[in-house]
C-alpha atoms as a PDB file:
ATOM      1  CA  MET A   1      24.538  -4.866  32.821  1.00  0.00           C
ATOM      2  CA  PRO A   2      27.051  -5.881  30.149  1.00  0.00           C
ATOM      3  CA  ARG A   3      30.433  -6.806  31.507  1.00  0.00           C
ATOM      4  CA  LEU A   4      33.914  -6.413  30.102  1.00  0.00           C
ATOM      5  CA  ARG A   5      34.894  -9.428  28.065  1.00  0.00           C
ATOM      6  CA  GLY A   6      38.453  -9.631  29.189  1.00  0.00           C
ATOM      7  CA  SER A   7      40.880  -8.933  31.981  1.00  0.00           C
ATOM      8  CA  ASP A   8      44.542  -9.428  32.683  1.00  0.00           C
ATOM      9  CA  THR A   9      43.927 -13.089  33.514  1.00  0.00           C
ATOM     10  CA  GLY A  10      41.132 -13.856  31.038  1.00  0.00           C
ATOM     11  CA  PRO A  11      41.381 -15.100  27.443  1.00  0.00           C
ATOM     12  CA  HIS A  12      41.159 -11.518  26.146  1.00  0.00           C
ATOM     13  CA  ARG A  13      43.844  -9.007  26.964  1.00  0.00           C
ATOM     14  CA  ARG A  14      42.876  -5.644  28.419  1.00  0.00           C
ATOM     15  CA  LEU A  15      42.977  -2.693  26.031  1.00  0.00           C
ATOM     16  CA  PRO A  16      46.063  -0.485  26.344  1.00  0.00           C
ATOM     17  CA  GLU A  17      45.687   2.283  28.877  1.00  0.00           C
ATOM     18  CA  HIS A  18      45.937   4.988  26.192  1.00  0.00           C
ATOM     19  CA  LEU A  19      42.774   3.650  24.547  1.00  0.00           C
ATOM     20  CA  THR A  20      40.305   5.103  27.004  1.00  0.00           C
ATOM     21  CA  GLY A  21      36.805   6.533  26.765  1.00  0.00           C
ATOM     22  CA  ALA A  22      34.936   5.731  23.585  1.00  0.00           C
ATOM     23  CA  ALA A  23      37.498   3.173  22.414  1.00  0.00           C
ATOM     24  CA  ARG A  24      36.961   1.068  25.565  1.00  0.00           C
ATOM     25  CA  VAL A  25      33.255   0.891  24.875  1.00  0.00           C
ATOM     26  CA  GLY A  26      34.090  -1.435  21.999  1.00  0.00           C
ATOM     27  CA  THR A  27      35.029  -4.194  24.451  1.00  0.00           C
ATOM     28  CA  LEU A  28      31.412  -4.527  25.571  1.00  0.00           C
ATOM     29  CA  GLU A  29      29.416  -7.522  24.408  1.00  0.00           C
ATOM     30  CA  SER A  30      27.485  -5.537  21.802  1.00  0.00           C
ATOM     31  CA  PRO A  31      27.856  -5.926  18.016  1.00  0.00           C
ATOM     32  CA  SER A  32      27.430  -2.214  17.394  1.00  0.00           C
ATOM     33  CA  CYS A  33      30.009  -1.312  20.038  1.00  0.00           C
ATOM     34  CA  ALA A  34      32.437  -3.948  18.843  1.00  0.00           C
ATOM     35  CA  ALA A  35      32.223  -2.613  15.305  1.00  0.00           C
ATOM     36  CA  ALA A  36      33.328   0.786  16.563  1.00  0.00           C
ATOM     37  CA  VAL A  37      36.622  -0.525  17.974  1.00  0.00           C
ATOM     38  CA  PRO A  38      38.690  -0.498  14.743  1.00  0.00           C
ATOM     39  CA  THR A  39      37.718   3.047  13.755  1.00  0.00           C
ATOM     40  CA  LEU A  40      38.064   4.604  17.195  1.00  0.00           C
ATOM     41  CA  ALA A  41      41.243   2.754  17.988  1.00  0.00           C
ATOM     42  CA  ARG A  42      42.835   3.640  14.650  1.00  0.00           C
ATOM     43  CA  ARG A  43      42.047   7.313  15.133  1.00  0.00           C
ATOM     44  CA  ARG A  44      43.633   7.362  18.590  1.00  0.00           C
ATOM     45  CA  LEU A  45      46.667   5.372  17.451  1.00  0.00           C
ATOM     46  CA  ARG A  46      47.115   7.606  14.413  1.00  0.00           C
ATOM     47  CA  ARG A  47      47.163  10.711  16.561  1.00  0.00           C
ATOM     48  CA  GLN A  48      49.632   9.189  18.991  1.00  0.00           C
ATOM     49  CA  GLY A  49      51.711   7.596  16.237  1.00  0.00           C
ATOM     50  CA  GLY A  50      52.526  10.885  14.550  1.00  0.00           C
ATOM     51  CA  THR A  51      50.085  10.661  11.659  1.00  0.00           C
ATOM     52  CA  THR A  52      49.630  13.978   9.854  1.00  0.00           C
ATOM     53  CA  LEU A  53      47.250  15.289   7.226  1.00  0.00           C
ATOM     54  CA  ARG A  54      49.030  16.437   4.100  1.00  0.00           C
ATOM     55  CA  ARG A  55      47.800  17.978   0.867  1.00  0.00           C
ATOM     56  CA  ARG A  56      49.397  16.644  -2.282  1.00  0.00           C
ATOM     57  CA  PRO A  57      50.007  19.603  -4.635  1.00  0.00           C
ATOM     58  CA  PRO A  58      47.798  19.274  -7.735  1.00  0.00           C
ATOM     59  CA  LEU A  59      49.010  19.681 -11.317  1.00  0.00           C
ATOM     60  CA  THR A  60      48.030  23.362 -11.505  1.00  0.00           C
ATOM     61  CA  THR A  61      50.056  24.144  -8.379  1.00  0.00           C
ATOM     62  CA  ILE A  62      53.175  22.359  -9.603  1.00  0.00           C
ATOM     63  CA  ALA A  63      52.942  23.781 -13.130  1.00  0.00           C
ATOM     64  CA  GLY A  64      52.090  27.278 -11.897  1.00  0.00           C
ATOM     65  CA  LEU A  65      55.094  27.511  -9.590  1.00  0.00           C
ATOM     66  CA  ALA A  66      57.282  25.958 -12.307  1.00  0.00           C
ATOM     67  CA  THR A  67      56.040  28.665 -14.699  1.00  0.00           C
ATOM     68  CA  ILE A  68      57.375  31.387 -12.424  1.00  0.00           C
ATOM     69  CA  VAL A  69      60.701  29.673 -11.723  1.00  0.00           C
ATOM     70  CA  VAL A  70      61.395  28.708 -15.344  1.00  0.00           C
ATOM     71  CA  SER A  71      60.409  32.062 -16.833  1.00  0.00           C
ATOM     72  CA  LEU A  72      62.464  34.130 -14.398  1.00  0.00           C
ATOM     73  CA  THR A  73      65.509  31.865 -14.410  1.00  0.00           C
ATOM     74  CA  LEU A  74      65.992  31.656 -18.171  1.00  0.00           C
ATOM     75  CA  ALA A  75      65.089  35.322 -18.640  1.00  0.00           C
ATOM     76  CA  ILE A  76      67.805  36.307 -16.166  1.00  0.00           C
ATOM     77  CA  VAL A  77      70.317  34.153 -18.028  1.00  0.00           C
ATOM     78  CA  ALA A  78      69.288  35.733 -21.346  1.00  0.00           C
ATOM     79  CA  TYR A  79      69.618  39.184 -19.775  1.00  0.00           C
ATOM     80  CA  ALA A  80      73.104  38.331 -18.505  1.00  0.00           C
ATOM     81  CA  TYR A  81      74.210  37.620 -22.097  1.00  0.00           C
ATOM     82  CA  TYR A  82      72.496  40.688 -23.568  1.00  0.00           C
ATOM     83  CA  PRO A  83      75.383  42.856 -24.824  1.00  0.00           C
ATOM     84  CA  TRP A  84      73.614  46.241 -24.847  1.00  0.00           C
ATOM     85  CA  ALA A  85      71.882  48.495 -22.351  1.00  0.00           C
ATOM     86  CA  PHE A  86      68.534  46.980 -21.433  1.00  0.00           C
ATOM     87  CA  SER A  87      65.638  48.685 -19.683  1.00  0.00           C
ATOM     88  CA  PRO A  88      61.866  48.108 -19.323  1.00  0.00           C
ATOM     89  CA  ALA A  89      61.434  51.728 -20.386  1.00  0.00           C
ATOM     90  CA  GLU A  90      63.264  51.220 -23.690  1.00  0.00           C
ATOM     91  CA  ASN A  91      63.066  47.523 -24.550  1.00  0.00           C
ATOM     92  CA  TRP A  92      60.396  44.943 -25.260  1.00  0.00           C
ATOM     93  CA  ILE A  93      60.753  41.682 -23.368  1.00  0.00           C
ATOM     94  CA  SER A  94      61.163  39.900 -26.700  1.00  0.00           C
ATOM     95  CA  ASP A  95      64.354  41.874 -27.367  1.00  0.00           C
ATOM     96  CA  LEU A  96      66.072  39.278 -25.186  1.00  0.00           C
ATOM     97  CA  GLY A  97      65.269  36.697 -27.874  1.00  0.00           C
ATOM     98  CA  ASN A  98      66.384  38.784 -30.847  1.00  0.00           C
ATOM     99  CA  THR A  99      69.273  36.915 -32.461  1.00  0.00           C
ATOM    100  CA  LEU A 100      70.632  40.096 -34.045  1.00  0.00           C
ATOM    101  CA  LEU A 101      70.662  42.074 -30.811  1.00  0.00           C
ATOM    102  CA  SER A 102      71.834  39.201 -28.629  1.00  0.00           C
ATOM    103  CA  PRO A 103      73.510  36.425 -30.634  1.00  0.00           C
ATOM    104  CA  ARG A 104      74.602  34.451 -27.554  1.00  0.00           C
ATOM    105  CA  GLY A 105      71.749  35.086 -25.145  1.00  0.00           C
ATOM    106  CA  SER A 106      68.763  34.842 -27.475  1.00  0.00           C
ATOM    107  CA  ILE A 107      68.726  31.041 -27.379  1.00  0.00           C
ATOM    108  CA  PHE A 108      68.018  31.098 -23.625  1.00  0.00           C
ATOM    109  CA  PHE A 109      65.040  33.384 -24.030  1.00  0.00           C
ATOM    110  CA  ARG A 110      63.636  31.358 -26.911  1.00  0.00           C
ATOM    111  CA  LEU A 111      63.997  28.169 -24.883  1.00  0.00           C
ATOM    112  CA  ASP A 112      62.325  30.035 -22.042  1.00  0.00           C
ATOM    113  CA  MET A 113      59.253  30.733 -24.180  1.00  0.00           C
ATOM    114  CA  ILE A 114      59.005  27.151 -25.420  1.00  0.00           C
ATOM    115  CA  ALA A 115      59.345  25.698 -21.917  1.00  0.00           C
ATOM    116  CA  LEU A 116      56.941  28.308 -20.582  1.00  0.00           C
ATOM    117  CA  GLY A 117      54.340  27.298 -23.142  1.00  0.00           C
ATOM    118  CA  ALA A 118      54.612  23.659 -22.044  1.00  0.00           C
ATOM    119  CA  VAL A 119      54.184  24.323 -18.316  1.00  0.00           C
ATOM    120  CA  LEU A 120      51.383  26.831 -18.935  1.00  0.00           C
ATOM    121  CA  ALA A 121      49.510  24.184 -20.906  1.00  0.00           C
ATOM    122  CA  ALA A 122      49.808  21.829 -17.931  1.00  0.00           C
ATOM    123  CA  PHE A 123      48.732  24.655 -15.626  1.00  0.00           C
ATOM    124  CA  PHE A 124      45.460  25.159 -17.498  1.00  0.00           C
ATOM    125  CA  VAL A 125      44.786  21.441 -17.921  1.00  0.00           C
ATOM    126  CA  GLY A 126      45.010  21.030 -14.150  1.00  0.00           C
ATOM    127  CA  LEU A 127      42.270  23.589 -13.554  1.00  0.00           C
ATOM    128  CA  HIS A 128      39.688  20.830 -14.016  1.00  0.00           C
ATOM    129  CA  VAL A 129      39.888  20.244 -10.241  1.00  0.00           C
ATOM    130  CA  TRP A 130      37.939  23.486  -9.758  1.00  0.00           C
ATOM    131  CA  SER A 131      34.917  21.842 -11.379  1.00  0.00           C
ATOM    132  CA  ARG A 132      34.654  18.905  -8.986  1.00  0.00           C
ATOM    133  CA  GLY A 133      31.352  18.972  -7.168  1.00  0.00           C
ATOM    134  CA  GLN A 134      30.450  22.395  -8.572  1.00  0.00           C
ATOM    135  CA  GLY A 135      27.512  23.623 -10.614  1.00  0.00           C
ATOM    136  CA  ILE A 136      27.237  24.126 -14.348  1.00  0.00           C
ATOM    137  CA  MET A 137      28.345  27.785 -14.185  1.00  0.00           C
ATOM    138  CA  VAL A 138      31.737  26.979 -12.638  1.00  0.00           C
ATOM    139  CA  LYS A 139      32.225  24.121 -15.084  1.00  0.00           C
ATOM    140  CA  LEU A 140      31.523  26.381 -18.065  1.00  0.00           C
ATOM    141  CA  LEU A 141      33.841  29.129 -16.798  1.00  0.00           C
ATOM    142  CA  VAL A 142      36.652  26.664 -16.189  1.00  0.00           C
ATOM    143  CA  ALA A 143      36.170  24.979 -19.572  1.00  0.00           C
ATOM    144  CA  VAL A 144      36.368  28.276 -21.482  1.00  0.00           C
ATOM    145  CA  ALA A 145      39.372  29.352 -19.408  1.00  0.00           C
ATOM    146  CA  GLN A 146      41.127  26.059 -20.139  1.00  0.00           C
ATOM    147  CA  LEU A 147      40.513  26.334 -23.873  1.00  0.00           C
ATOM    148  CA  SER A 148      41.678  29.952 -24.058  1.00  0.00           C
ATOM    149  CA  GLY A 149      44.626  29.220 -21.803  1.00  0.00           C
ATOM    150  CA  PHE A 150      45.750  26.307 -23.945  1.00  0.00           C
ATOM    151  CA  VAL A 151      45.653  28.512 -27.060  1.00  0.00           C
ATOM    152  CA  GLY A 152      47.665  31.128 -25.167  1.00  0.00           C
ATOM    153  CA  ALA A 153      50.199  28.506 -24.064  1.00  0.00           C
ATOM    154  CA  VAL A 154      50.719  27.422 -27.680  1.00  0.00           C
ATOM    155  CA  ALA A 155      51.147  31.068 -28.681  1.00  0.00           C
ATOM    156  CA  VAL A 156      53.790  31.551 -25.966  1.00  0.00           C
ATOM    157  CA  ALA A 157      55.790  28.645 -27.357  1.00  0.00           C
ATOM    158  CA  MET A 158      55.429  29.985 -30.895  1.00  0.00           C
ATOM    159  CA  THR A 159      56.906  33.356 -29.884  1.00  0.00           C
ATOM    160  CA  GLY A 160      59.978  31.386 -28.905  1.00  0.00           C
ATOM    161  CA  ILE A 161      60.108  29.556 -32.224  1.00  0.00           C
ATOM    162  CA  PHE A 162      59.545  32.764 -34.197  1.00  0.00           C
ATOM    163  CA  SER A 163      61.740  35.436 -32.637  1.00  0.00           C
ATOM    164  CA  GLU A 164      61.634  39.165 -33.339  1.00  0.00           C
ATOM    165  CA  ASN A 165      63.750  38.519 -36.420  1.00  0.00           C
ATOM    166  CA  ASP A 166      60.653  36.977 -38.014  1.00  0.00           C
ATOM    167  CA  ALA A 167      58.690  40.153 -37.398  1.00  0.00           C
ATOM    168  CA  ALA A 168      55.355  39.223 -38.997  1.00  0.00           C
ATOM    169  CA  ALA A 169      55.083  35.750 -37.452  1.00  0.00           C
ATOM    170  CA  HIS A 170      56.295  36.941 -34.057  1.00  0.00           C
ATOM    171  CA  ALA A 171      53.841  39.848 -33.984  1.00  0.00           C
ATOM    172  CA  LEU A 172      50.959  37.534 -34.929  1.00  0.00           C
ATOM    173  CA  TRP A 173      51.677  35.007 -32.179  1.00  0.00           C
ATOM    174  CA  ALA A 174      52.361  37.737 -29.628  1.00  0.00           C
ATOM    175  CA  THR A 175      48.926  39.213 -30.342  1.00  0.00           C
ATOM    176  CA  VAL A 176      47.277  35.790 -30.017  1.00  0.00           C
ATOM    177  CA  LEU A 177      49.201  35.284 -26.778  1.00  0.00           C
ATOM    178  CA  PHE A 178      47.916  38.434 -25.103  1.00  0.00           C
ATOM    179  CA  ILE A 179      44.322  38.023 -26.288  1.00  0.00           C
ATOM    180  CA  ALA A 180      44.056  34.319 -25.389  1.00  0.00           C
ATOM    181  CA  LEU A 181      45.663  34.640 -21.962  1.00  0.00           C
ATOM    182  CA  ALA A 182      43.596  37.720 -21.137  1.00  0.00           C
ATOM    183  CA  THR A 183      40.456  35.774 -22.049  1.00  0.00           C
ATOM    184  CA  ALA A 184      41.501  32.847 -19.855  1.00  0.00           C
ATOM    185  CA  VAL A 185      42.255  35.139 -16.917  1.00  0.00           C
ATOM    186  CA  TRP A 186      38.928  36.935 -17.373  1.00  0.00           C
ATOM    187  CA  PHE A 187      36.888  33.731 -17.100  1.00  0.00           C
ATOM    188  CA  ILE A 188      38.985  32.444 -14.207  1.00  0.00           C
ATOM    189  CA  GLY A 189      38.263  35.720 -12.451  1.00  0.00           C
ATOM    190  CA  TRP A 190      34.522  35.041 -12.488  1.00  0.00           C
ATOM    191  CA  ALA A 191      34.829  31.535 -11.020  1.00  0.00           C
ATOM    192  CA  PRO A 192      35.085  32.670  -7.335  1.00  0.00           C
ATOM    193  CA  VAL A 193      31.639  34.298  -7.672  1.00  0.00           C
ATOM    194  CA  TRP A 194      30.075  30.816  -7.864  1.00  0.00           C
ATOM    195  CA  HIS A 195      32.783  28.695  -6.233  1.00  0.00           C
ATOM    196  CA  PRO A 196      32.389  28.823  -2.416  1.00  0.00           C
ATOM    197  CA  ARG A 197      36.015  27.920  -1.651  1.00  0.00           C
ATOM    198  CA  LEU A 198      37.755  30.445  -3.893  1.00  0.00           C
ATOM    199  CA  SER A 199      38.674  33.912  -2.644  1.00  0.00           C
ATOM    200  CA  TYR A 200      37.233  37.063  -4.187  1.00  0.00           C
ATOM    201  CA  LYS A 201      40.753  38.491  -4.040  1.00  0.00           C
ATOM    202  CA  LEU A 202      41.544  36.198  -6.953  1.00  0.00           C
ATOM    203  CA  SER A 203      38.799  37.911  -8.962  1.00  0.00           C
ATOM    204  CA  GLY A 204      40.201  41.358  -8.216  1.00  0.00           C
ATOM    205  CA  LEU A 205      43.686  40.327  -9.310  1.00  0.00           C
ATOM    206  CA  ALA A 206      42.302  38.689 -12.463  1.00  0.00           C
ATOM    207  CA  PHE A 207      40.442  41.807 -13.565  1.00  0.00           C
ATOM    208  CA  ALA A 208      43.499  43.968 -12.861  1.00  0.00           C
ATOM    209  CA  VAL A 209      45.598  41.664 -15.068  1.00  0.00           C
ATOM    210  CA  CYS A 210      43.020  41.890 -17.877  1.00  0.00           C
ATOM    211  CA  ALA A 211      42.819  45.665 -17.676  1.00  0.00           C
ATOM    212  CA  VAL A 212      46.600  46.153 -17.857  1.00  0.00           C
ATOM    213  CA  ASP A 213      46.841  43.543 -20.621  1.00  0.00           C
ATOM    214  CA  VAL A 214      44.296  45.335 -22.810  1.00  0.00           C
ATOM    215  CA  ILE A 215      45.890  48.732 -22.189  1.00  0.00           C
ATOM    216  CA  SER A 216      49.339  47.393 -23.046  1.00  0.00           C
ATOM    217  CA  VAL A 217      48.086  46.016 -26.372  1.00  0.00           C
ATOM    218  CA  VAL A 218      46.367  49.293 -27.266  1.00  0.00           C
ATOM    219  CA  GLU A 219      49.039  51.718 -26.062  1.00  0.00           C
ATOM    220  CA  ARG A 220      52.072  49.684 -27.129  1.00  0.00           C
ATOM    221  CA  ARG A 221      54.336  51.002 -24.382  1.00  0.00           C
ATOM    222  CA  HIS A 222      57.396  49.068 -23.261  1.00  0.00           C
ATOM    223  CA  TRP A 223      56.783  49.440 -19.534  1.00  0.00           C
ATOM    224  CA  LEU A 224      53.137  48.429 -19.874  1.00  0.00           C
ATOM    225  CA  GLU A 225      54.169  45.138 -21.445  1.00  0.00           C
ATOM    226  CA  TRP A 226      56.514  44.479 -18.535  1.00  0.00           C
ATOM    227  CA  LEU A 227      53.782  45.351 -16.048  1.00  0.00           C
ATOM    228  CA  ALA A 228      51.285  43.069 -17.801  1.00  0.00           C
ATOM    229  CA  VAL A 229      53.684  40.123 -17.770  1.00  0.00           C
ATOM    230  CA  GLY A 230      54.619  40.716 -14.129  1.00  0.00           C
ATOM    231  CA  LEU A 231      50.978  40.812 -13.048  1.00  0.00           C
ATOM    232  CA  LEU A 232      50.257  37.677 -15.075  1.00  0.00           C
ATOM    233  CA  LEU A 233      53.006  35.778 -13.252  1.00  0.00           C
ATOM    234  CA  CYS A 234      51.609  36.982  -9.910  1.00  0.00           C
ATOM    235  CA  PHE A 235      48.183  35.759 -10.985  1.00  0.00           C
ATOM    236  CA  VAL A 236      49.541  32.358 -11.972  1.00  0.00           C
ATOM    237  CA  GLY A 237      51.149  32.066  -8.551  1.00  0.00           C
ATOM    238  CA  ALA A 238      47.903  33.055  -6.806  1.00  0.00           C
ATOM    239  CA  VAL A 239      45.899  30.482  -8.777  1.00  0.00           C
ATOM    240  CA  ALA A 240      48.534  27.819  -8.065  1.00  0.00           C
ATOM    241  CA  LEU A 241      48.319  28.384  -4.308  1.00  0.00           C
ATOM    242  CA  GLY A 242      44.533  28.743  -4.380  1.00  0.00           C
ATOM    243  CA  THR A 243      44.217  25.417  -6.187  1.00  0.00           C
ATOM    244  CA  TRP A 244      46.436  23.767  -3.589  1.00  0.00           C
ATOM    245  CA  SER A 245      44.009  24.886  -0.873  1.00  0.00           C
ATOM    246  CA  LEU A 246      41.257  22.946  -2.685  1.00  0.00           C
ATOM    247  CA  ALA A 247      43.242  19.706  -2.701  1.00  0.00           C
ATOM    248  CA  PRO A 248      41.851  17.017  -0.341  1.00  0.00           C
ATOM    249  CA  SER A 249      43.904  16.171   2.737  1.00  0.00           C
ATOM    250  CA  ARG A 250      45.521  12.746   2.759  1.00  0.00           C
ATOM    251  CA  VAL A 251      46.447  10.700   5.839  1.00  0.00           C
ATOM    252  CA  ARG A 252      50.134   9.934   6.009  1.00  0.00           C
ATOM    253  CA  SER A 253      52.098   8.235   8.764  1.00  0.00           C
ATOM    254  CA  ASP A 254      55.370   9.862   9.786  1.00  0.00           C
END
């Protein structure tokens, strides 16, 4: 029978007591067993040394959460400077950026739209991680969603450059915004049907966003616009967290 190669008095030191079981097998005079020592020992030492598995947030997660924080923060500041009564039942969101209605606060809302366009563009670019290891259908859905989303992100920024004072230009870019983002959300909503690690709840939320978006464009009601934007932000947050769950775990020592 093979014997242990070392002892307390021999040329090889005995393995530490916490390396028991399979790790000790590596001390046998066998090439295959000896090769197993580094892997088995590292695993045991990692667990005892406080090593944890962490997921690094991907670009879509970071940009998606930044979208929510940036949009709400600057909108609240713009609202604080709005000098008149303001209500979702009586006002469009873009009224916050009207320089005639709000001379002091409009700049914050317009900066909000420009910054929002930038982080939304990053959000859609980062969706490429959904395509890794997936079939052609998921790749096509993600590609179309990215293209539409990027157009929508540009349109968001343009609504900040052209405020309500430039009625024709603002109305044009606002229309492009709603159509492009609704298209992106629609195609994202179909991805979980073919992607095994995405929740069907994401599809339900996506289709709800699209339905409200279309109705708000057709009906042109103030409160519907607010509802559409609110649901869109919820959807962005859901996609951000869902994308984080797809990120590979990384070994990190504490």
